[in-house]
Amino acid sequence: MDYTVLNACSTEKNACLLLQQGVQCVICSGWKMPVQDKIANELCQLFYDDLVQDAPDARDQKQAFFAATDAMWLSAHTRGVQ
């Protein structure tokens, strides 16, 4: 799968342009609004950490994205206590 990660605020327009040019998947940390640097960095760290756990030929970007967002959601709702 071809994919691109846009780790910045307000990336909707750029993501749409990439999709129109044939990129199959665009992962954005700040789709339509500003995002704090700390949050964007955490999302990317969790995303890439999950990717490298898999064998190089079995990397699943979609699964890694959902694992990262799930971890962030859980942390936010438990205030970091698990």
PDB file of N, CA and C in Angstrom:
ATOM      1  N   MET A   1       0.847  -1.182   0.000  1.00  0.00           N
ATOM      2  CA  MET A   1       0.000   0.000   0.000  1.00  0.00           C
ATOM      3  C   MET A   1       0.885   1.236   0.000  1.00  0.00           C
ATOM      4  N   ASP A   2       0.596   2.159  -0.879  1.00  0.00           N
ATOM      5  CA  ASP A   2       1.261   3.453  -0.868  1.00  0.00           C
ATOM      6  C   ASP A   2       0.555   4.331   0.150  1.00  0.00           C
ATOM      7  N   TYR A   3       1.338   4.968   1.015  1.00  0.00           N
ATOM      8  CA  TYR A   3       0.722   5.864   1.984  1.00  0.00           C
ATOM      9  C   TYR A   3       1.669   7.006   2.308  1.00  0.00           C
ATOM     10  N   THR A   4       1.073   8.070   2.859  1.00  0.00           N
ATOM     11  CA  THR A   4       1.817   9.252   3.265  1.00  0.00           C
ATOM     12  C   THR A   4       1.302   9.670   4.625  1.00  0.00           C
ATOM     13  N   VAL A   5       2.195  10.147   5.479  1.00  0.00           N
ATOM     14  CA  VAL A   5       1.814  10.680   6.784  1.00  0.00           C
ATOM     15  C   VAL A   5       2.031  12.188   6.749  1.00  0.00           C
ATOM     16  N   LEU A   6       0.986  12.943   7.050  1.00  0.00           N
ATOM     17  CA  LEU A   6       1.074  14.400   7.153  1.00  0.00           C
ATOM     18  C   LEU A   6       0.933  14.747   8.632  1.00  0.00           C
ATOM     19  N   ASN A   7       2.016  15.138   9.241  1.00  0.00           N
ATOM     20  CA  ASN A   7       2.033  15.417  10.673  1.00  0.00           C
ATOM     21  C   ASN A   7       2.069  16.924  10.884  1.00  0.00           C
ATOM     22  N   ALA A   8       0.918  17.562  10.628  1.00  0.00           N
ATOM     23  CA  ALA A   8       0.825  19.014  10.731  1.00  0.00           C
ATOM     24  C   ALA A   8      -0.637  19.413  10.894  1.00  0.00           C
ATOM     25  N   CYS A   9      -0.858  20.673  11.174  1.00  0.00           N
ATOM     26  CA  CYS A   9      -2.213  21.202  11.311  1.00  0.00           C
ATOM     27  C   CYS A   9      -2.874  21.376   9.945  1.00  0.00           C
ATOM     28  N   SER A  10      -4.187  21.269   9.938  1.00  0.00           N
ATOM     29  CA  SER A  10      -5.008  21.614   8.768  1.00  0.00           C
ATOM     30  C   SER A  10      -4.484  21.004   7.468  1.00  0.00           C
ATOM     31  N   THR A  11      -4.406  19.685   7.436  1.00  0.00           N
ATOM     32  CA  THR A  11      -3.825  18.985   6.288  1.00  0.00           C
ATOM     33  C   THR A  11      -4.863  18.457   5.297  1.00  0.00           C
ATOM     34  N   GLU A  12      -6.124  18.812   5.507  1.00  0.00           N
ATOM     35  CA  GLU A  12      -7.197  18.271   4.669  1.00  0.00           C
ATOM     36  C   GLU A  12      -6.962  18.529   3.183  1.00  0.00           C
ATOM     37  N   LYS A  13      -6.655  19.762   2.811  1.00  0.00           N
ATOM     38  CA  LYS A  13      -6.474  20.106   1.393  1.00  0.00           C
ATOM     39  C   LYS A  13      -5.318  19.306   0.778  1.00  0.00           C
ATOM     40  N   ASN A  14      -4.198  19.249   1.478  1.00  0.00           N
ATOM     41  CA  ASN A  14      -3.051  18.507   0.950  1.00  0.00           C
ATOM     42  C   ASN A  14      -3.349  17.016   0.860  1.00  0.00           C
ATOM     43  N   ALA A  15      -4.065  16.487   1.849  1.00  0.00           N
ATOM     44  CA  ALA A  15      -4.425  15.070   1.822  1.00  0.00           C
ATOM     45  C   ALA A  15      -5.302  14.766   0.608  1.00  0.00           C
ATOM     46  N   CYS A  16      -6.279  15.607   0.356  1.00  0.00           N
ATOM     47  CA  CYS A  16      -7.153  15.406  -0.799  1.00  0.00           C
ATOM     48  C   CYS A  16      -6.390  15.465  -2.114  1.00  0.00           C
ATOM     49  N   LEU A  17      -5.444  16.384  -2.214  1.00  0.00           N
ATOM     50  CA  LEU A  17      -4.626  16.482  -3.432  1.00  0.00           C
ATOM     51  C   LEU A  17      -3.781  15.221  -3.624  1.00  0.00           C
ATOM     52  N   LEU A  18      -3.221  14.703  -2.547  1.00  0.00           N
ATOM     53  CA  LEU A  18      -2.425  13.467  -2.640  1.00  0.00           C
ATOM     54  C   LEU A  18      -3.295  12.292  -3.081  1.00  0.00           C
ATOM     55  N   LEU A  19      -4.486  12.188  -2.521  1.00  0.00           N
ATOM     56  CA  LEU A  19      -5.399  11.112  -2.911  1.00  0.00           C
ATOM     57  C   LEU A  19      -5.776  11.227  -4.388  1.00  0.00           C
ATOM     58  N   GLN A  20      -5.980  12.456  -4.869  1.00  0.00           N
ATOM     59  CA  GLN A  20      -6.306  12.667  -6.286  1.00  0.00           C
ATOM     60  C   GLN A  20      -5.145  12.264  -7.187  1.00  0.00           C
ATOM     61  N   GLN A  21      -3.924  12.335  -6.664  1.00  0.00           N
ATOM     62  CA  GLN A  21      -2.746  11.976  -7.448  1.00  0.00           C
ATOM     63  C   GLN A  21      -2.409  10.488  -7.361  1.00  0.00           C
ATOM     64  N   GLY A  22      -3.243   9.728  -6.637  1.00  0.00           N
ATOM     65  CA  GLY A  22      -3.064   8.278  -6.620  1.00  0.00           C
ATOM     66  C   GLY A  22      -2.490   7.679  -5.353  1.00  0.00           C
ATOM     67  N   VAL A  23      -2.157   8.495  -4.364  1.00  0.00           N
ATOM     68  CA  VAL A  23      -1.712   7.925  -3.090  1.00  0.00           C
ATOM     69  C   VAL A  23      -2.909   7.190  -2.498  1.00  0.00           C
ATOM     70  N   GLN A  24      -2.705   5.943  -2.070  1.00  0.00           N
ATOM     71  CA  GLN A  24      -3.828   5.125  -1.620  1.00  0.00           C
ATOM     72  C   GLN A  24      -4.326   5.485  -0.227  1.00  0.00           C
ATOM     73  N   CYS A  25      -3.440   5.967   0.618  1.00  0.00           N
ATOM     74  CA  CYS A  25      -3.814   6.245   2.004  1.00  0.00           C
ATOM     75  C   CYS A  25      -3.020   7.449   2.504  1.00  0.00           C
ATOM     76  N   VAL A  26      -3.712   8.394   3.140  1.00  0.00           N
ATOM     77  CA  VAL A  26      -3.055   9.553   3.734  1.00  0.00           C
ATOM     78  C   VAL A  26      -3.456   9.601   5.210  1.00  0.00           C
ATOM     79  N   ILE A  27      -2.469   9.572   6.084  1.00  0.00           N
ATOM     80  CA  ILE A  27      -2.694   9.628   7.522  1.00  0.00           C
ATOM     81  C   ILE A  27      -2.361  11.041   7.980  1.00  0.00           C
ATOM     82  N   CYS A  28      -3.323  11.679   8.657  1.00  0.00           N
ATOM     83  CA  CYS A  28      -3.162  13.074   9.076  1.00  0.00           C
ATOM     84  C   CYS A  28      -3.285  13.189  10.587  1.00  0.00           C
ATOM     85  N   SER A  29      -2.433  13.991  11.196  1.00  0.00           N
ATOM     86  CA  SER A  29      -2.553  14.227  12.635  1.00  0.00           C
ATOM     87  C   SER A  29      -3.452  15.422  12.918  1.00  0.00           C
ATOM     88  N   GLY A  30      -3.649  16.285  11.963  1.00  0.00           N
ATOM     89  CA  GLY A  30      -4.504  17.461  12.132  1.00  0.00           C
ATOM     90  C   GLY A  30      -5.313  17.696  10.884  1.00  0.00           C
ATOM     91  N   TRP A  31      -6.406  16.998  10.728  1.00  0.00           N
ATOM     92  CA  TRP A  31      -7.178  16.986   9.484  1.00  0.00           C
ATOM     93  C   TRP A  31      -7.748  18.355   9.125  1.00  0.00           C
ATOM     94  N   LYS A  32      -8.648  18.894   9.947  1.00  0.00           N
ATOM     95  CA  LYS A  32      -9.314  20.156   9.608  1.00  0.00           C
ATOM     96  C   LYS A  32      -9.006  21.275  10.591  1.00  0.00           C
ATOM     97  N   MET A  33      -8.191  21.006  11.561  1.00  0.00           N
ATOM     98  CA  MET A  33      -7.988  21.997  12.609  1.00  0.00           C
ATOM     99  C   MET A  33      -6.556  21.949  13.127  1.00  0.00           C
ATOM    100  N   PRO A  34      -6.209  22.943  13.919  1.00  0.00           N
ATOM    101  CA  PRO A  34      -4.877  22.931  14.538  1.00  0.00           C
ATOM    102  C   PRO A  34      -4.733  21.741  15.488  1.00  0.00           C
ATOM    103  N   VAL A  35      -3.516  21.287  15.636  1.00  0.00           N
ATOM    104  CA  VAL A  35      -3.205  20.200  16.571  1.00  0.00           C
ATOM    105  C   VAL A  35      -1.948  20.591  17.341  1.00  0.00           C
ATOM    106  N   GLN A  36      -1.931  20.310  18.628  1.00  0.00           N
ATOM    107  CA  GLN A  36      -0.759  20.624  19.434  1.00  0.00           C
ATOM    108  C   GLN A  36       0.403  19.734  19.005  1.00  0.00           C
ATOM    109  N   ASP A  37       1.601  20.308  19.000  1.00  0.00           N
ATOM    110  CA  ASP A  37       2.788  19.547  18.605  1.00  0.00           C
ATOM    111  C   ASP A  37       2.938  18.268  19.419  1.00  0.00           C
ATOM    112  N   LYS A  38       2.677  18.351  20.712  1.00  0.00           N
ATOM    113  CA  LYS A  38       2.820  17.184  21.593  1.00  0.00           C
ATOM    114  C   LYS A  38       1.895  16.051  21.139  1.00  0.00           C
ATOM    115  N   ILE A  39       0.675  16.385  20.777  1.00  0.00           N
ATOM    116  CA  ILE A  39      -0.292  15.374  20.340  1.00  0.00           C
ATOM    117  C   ILE A  39       0.120  14.782  18.991  1.00  0.00           C
ATOM    118  N   ALA A  40       0.520  15.632  18.056  1.00  0.00           N
ATOM    119  CA  ALA A  40       0.952  15.157  16.735  1.00  0.00           C
ATOM    120  C   ALA A  40       2.174  14.256  16.862  1.00  0.00           C
ATOM    121  N   ASN A  41       3.113  14.638  17.707  1.00  0.00           N
ATOM    122  CA  ASN A  41       4.307  13.822  17.913  1.00  0.00           C
ATOM    123  C   ASN A  41       3.960  12.476  18.534  1.00  0.00           C
ATOM    124  N   GLU A  42       3.046  12.487  19.511  1.00  0.00           N
ATOM    125  CA  GLU A  42       2.654  11.235  20.162  1.00  0.00           C
ATOM    126  C   GLU A  42       1.977  10.292  19.167  1.00  0.00           C
ATOM    127  N   LEU A  43       1.085  10.840  18.334  1.00  0.00           N
ATOM    128  CA  LEU A  43       0.429  10.010  17.335  1.00  0.00           C
ATOM    129  C   LEU A  43       1.444   9.348  16.411  1.00  0.00           C
ATOM    130  N   CYS A  44       2.387  10.111  15.901  1.00  0.00           N
ATOM    131  CA  CYS A  44       3.391   9.547  14.990  1.00  0.00           C
ATOM    132  C   CYS A  44       4.283   8.531  15.698  1.00  0.00           C
ATOM    133  N   GLN A  45       4.675   8.807  16.926  1.00  0.00           N
ATOM    134  CA  GLN A  45       5.517   7.868  17.668  1.00  0.00           C
ATOM    135  C   GLN A  45       4.798   6.538  17.856  1.00  0.00           C
ATOM    136  N   LEU A  46       3.537   6.596  18.291  1.00  0.00           N
ATOM    137  CA  LEU A  46       2.765   5.366  18.483  1.00  0.00           C
ATOM    138  C   LEU A  46       2.548   4.640  17.158  1.00  0.00           C
ATOM    139  N   PHE A  47       2.260   5.393  16.101  1.00  0.00           N
ATOM    140  CA  PHE A  47       2.039   4.813  14.779  1.00  0.00           C
ATOM    141  C   PHE A  47       3.283   4.060  14.299  1.00  0.00           C
ATOM    142  N   TYR A  48       4.438   4.728  14.336  1.00  0.00           N
ATOM    143  CA  TYR A  48       5.662   4.088  13.847  1.00  0.00           C
ATOM    144  C   TYR A  48       6.124   2.970  14.771  1.00  0.00           C
ATOM    145  N   ASP A  49       5.904   3.105  16.078  1.00  0.00           N
ATOM    146  CA  ASP A  49       6.246   2.015  16.996  1.00  0.00           C
ATOM    147  C   ASP A  49       5.473   0.754  16.638  1.00  0.00           C
ATOM    148  N   ASP A  50       4.191   0.913  16.342  1.00  0.00           N
ATOM    149  CA  ASP A  50       3.384  -0.253  15.979  1.00  0.00           C
ATOM    150  C   ASP A  50       3.836  -0.829  14.642  1.00  0.00           C
ATOM    151  N   LEU A  51       4.180   0.012  13.699  1.00  0.00           N
ATOM    152  CA  LEU A  51       4.632  -0.486  12.385  1.00  0.00           C
ATOM    153  C   LEU A  51       5.884  -1.338  12.483  1.00  0.00           C
ATOM    154  N   VAL A  52       6.844  -0.921  13.284  1.00  0.00           N
ATOM    155  CA  VAL A  52       8.112  -1.648  13.329  1.00  0.00           C
ATOM    156  C   VAL A  52       8.012  -2.945  14.132  1.00  0.00           C
ATOM    157  N   GLN A  53       6.920  -3.145  14.852  1.00  0.00           N
ATOM    158  CA  GLN A  53       6.733  -4.402  15.577  1.00  0.00           C
ATOM    159  C   GLN A  53       6.416  -5.546  14.632  1.00  0.00           C
ATOM    160  N   ASP A  54       5.843  -5.228  13.481  1.00  0.00           N
ATOM    161  CA  ASP A  54       5.498  -6.255  12.497  1.00  0.00           C
ATOM    162  C   ASP A  54       6.704  -6.573  11.623  1.00  0.00           C
ATOM    163  N   ALA A  55       6.642  -7.724  10.975  1.00  0.00           N
ATOM    164  CA  ALA A  55       7.667  -8.060   9.995  1.00  0.00           C
ATOM    165  C   ALA A  55       7.591  -7.036   8.865  1.00  0.00           C
ATOM    166  N   PRO A  56       8.726  -6.659   8.279  1.00  0.00           N
ATOM    167  CA  PRO A  56       8.726  -5.625   7.235  1.00  0.00           C
ATOM    168  C   PRO A  56       7.760  -5.896   6.092  1.00  0.00           C
ATOM    169  N   ASP A  57       7.541  -7.150   5.750  1.00  0.00           N
ATOM    170  CA  ASP A  57       6.653  -7.436   4.627  1.00  0.00           C
ATOM    171  C   ASP A  57       5.186  -7.543   5.061  1.00  0.00           C
ATOM    172  N   ALA A  58       4.915  -7.398   6.355  1.00  0.00           N
ATOM    173  CA  ALA A  58       3.545  -7.534   6.848  1.00  0.00           C
ATOM    174  C   ALA A  58       3.051  -6.260   7.513  1.00  0.00           C
ATOM    175  N   ARG A  59       3.716  -5.155   7.280  1.00  0.00           N
ATOM    176  CA  ARG A  59       3.321  -3.903   7.919  1.00  0.00           C
ATOM    177  C   ARG A  59       1.933  -3.476   7.464  1.00  0.00           C
ATOM    178  N   ASP A  60       1.107  -3.146   8.438  1.00  0.00           N
ATOM    179  CA  ASP A  60      -0.270  -2.754   8.161  1.00  0.00           C
ATOM    180  C   ASP A  60      -0.472  -1.340   8.685  1.00  0.00           C
ATOM    181  N   GLN A  61      -0.429  -0.365   7.781  1.00  0.00           N
ATOM    182  CA  GLN A  61      -0.531   1.037   8.167  1.00  0.00           C
ATOM    183  C   GLN A  61      -1.888   1.356   8.799  1.00  0.00           C
ATOM    184  N   LYS A  62      -2.936   0.783   8.286  1.00  0.00           N
ATOM    185  CA  LYS A  62      -4.268   1.048   8.828  1.00  0.00           C
ATOM    186  C   LYS A  62      -4.360   0.543  10.265  1.00  0.00           C
ATOM    187  N   GLN A  63      -3.884  -0.663  10.493  1.00  0.00           N
ATOM    188  CA  GLN A  63      -3.908  -1.238  11.840  1.00  0.00           C
ATOM    189  C   GLN A  63      -3.042  -0.413  12.780  1.00  0.00           C
ATOM    190  N   ALA A  64      -1.890   0.034  12.317  1.00  0.00           N
ATOM    191  CA  ALA A  64      -0.990   0.843  13.148  1.00  0.00           C
ATOM    192  C   ALA A  64      -1.632   2.180  13.506  1.00  0.00           C
ATOM    193  N   PHE A  65      -2.340   2.786  12.556  1.00  0.00           N
ATOM    194  CA  PHE A  65      -3.017   4.050  12.829  1.00  0.00           C
ATOM    195  C   PHE A  65      -4.094   3.860  13.895  1.00  0.00           C
ATOM    196  N   PHE A  66      -4.919   2.822  13.737  1.00  0.00           N
ATOM    197  CA  PHE A  66      -5.978   2.591  14.717  1.00  0.00           C
ATOM    198  C   PHE A  66      -5.407   2.213  16.083  1.00  0.00           C
ATOM    199  N   ALA A  67      -4.317   1.473  16.116  1.00  0.00           N
ATOM    200  CA  ALA A  67      -3.682   1.148  17.401  1.00  0.00           C
ATOM    201  C   ALA A  67      -3.189   2.421  18.080  1.00  0.00           C
ATOM    202  N   ALA A  68      -2.612   3.331  17.308  1.00  0.00           N
ATOM    203  CA  ALA A  68      -2.112   4.598  17.870  1.00  0.00           C
ATOM    204  C   ALA A  68      -3.251   5.459  18.386  1.00  0.00           C
ATOM    205  N   THR A  69      -4.311   5.597  17.601  1.00  0.00           N
ATOM    206  CA  THR A  69      -5.424   6.435  18.049  1.00  0.00           C
ATOM    207  C   THR A  69      -6.152   5.801  19.226  1.00  0.00           C
ATOM    208  N   ASP A  70      -6.262   4.474  19.240  1.00  0.00           N
ATOM    209  CA  ASP A  70      -6.880   3.796  20.380  1.00  0.00           C
ATOM    210  C   ASP A  70      -6.072   4.027  21.652  1.00  0.00           C
ATOM    211  N   ALA A  71      -4.744   3.943  21.557  1.00  0.00           N
ATOM    212  CA  ALA A  71      -3.882   4.169  22.719  1.00  0.00           C
ATOM    213  C   ALA A  71      -4.014   5.599  23.228  1.00  0.00           C
ATOM    214  N   MET A  72      -4.088   6.554  22.320  1.00  0.00           N
ATOM    215  CA  MET A  72      -4.241   7.951  22.725  1.00  0.00           C
ATOM    216  C   MET A  72      -5.607   8.187  23.357  1.00  0.00           C
ATOM    217  N   TRP A  73      -6.642   7.598  22.796  1.00  0.00           N
ATOM    218  CA  TRP A  73      -7.999   7.734  23.335  1.00  0.00           C
ATOM    219  C   TRP A  73      -8.054   7.154  24.752  1.00  0.00           C
ATOM    220  N   LEU A  74      -7.501   5.964  24.930  1.00  0.00           N
ATOM    221  CA  LEU A  74      -7.498   5.321  26.240  1.00  0.00           C
ATOM    222  C   LEU A  74      -6.735   6.164  27.252  1.00  0.00           C
ATOM    223  N   SER A  75      -5.583   6.658  26.860  1.00  0.00           N
ATOM    224  CA  SER A  75      -4.778   7.495  27.755  1.00  0.00           C
ATOM    225  C   SER A  75      -5.521   8.767  28.152  1.00  0.00           C
ATOM    226  N   ALA A  76      -6.204   9.370  27.203  1.00  0.00           N
ATOM    227  CA  ALA A  76      -6.948  10.610  27.489  1.00  0.00           C
ATOM    228  C   ALA A  76      -8.100  10.360  28.440  1.00  0.00           C
ATOM    229  N   HIS A  77      -8.734   9.228  28.303  1.00  0.00           N
ATOM    230  CA  HIS A  77      -9.915   8.946  29.129  1.00  0.00           C
ATOM    231  C   HIS A  77      -9.583   8.297  30.467  1.00  0.00           C
ATOM    232  N   THR A  78      -8.368   7.836  30.625  1.00  0.00           N
ATOM    233  CA  THR A  78      -7.970   7.272  31.919  1.00  0.00           C
ATOM    234  C   THR A  78      -6.924   8.136  32.592  1.00  0.00           C
ATOM    235  N   ARG A  79      -6.637   9.284  31.975  1.00  0.00           N
ATOM    236  CA  ARG A  79      -5.605  10.197  32.456  1.00  0.00           C
ATOM    237  C   ARG A  79      -4.239   9.497  32.601  1.00  0.00           C
ATOM    238  N   GLY A  80      -3.987   8.569  31.678  1.00  0.00           N
ATOM    239  CA  GLY A  80      -2.716   7.877  31.636  1.00  0.00           C
ATOM    240  C   GLY A  80      -2.624   6.671  32.558  1.00  0.00           C
ATOM    241  N   VAL A  81      -3.689   6.400  33.337  1.00  0.00           N
ATOM    242  CA  VAL A  81      -3.682   5.272  34.262  1.00  0.00           C
ATOM    243  C   VAL A  81      -4.371   4.096  33.579  1.00  0.00           C
ATOM    244  N   GLN A  82      -3.671   2.967  33.536  1.00  0.00           N
ATOM    245  CA  GLN A  82      -4.277   1.771  32.904  1.00  0.00           C
ATOM    246  C   GLN A  82      -4.386   0.648  33.887  1.00  0.00           C
TER     247      GLN A  82
END
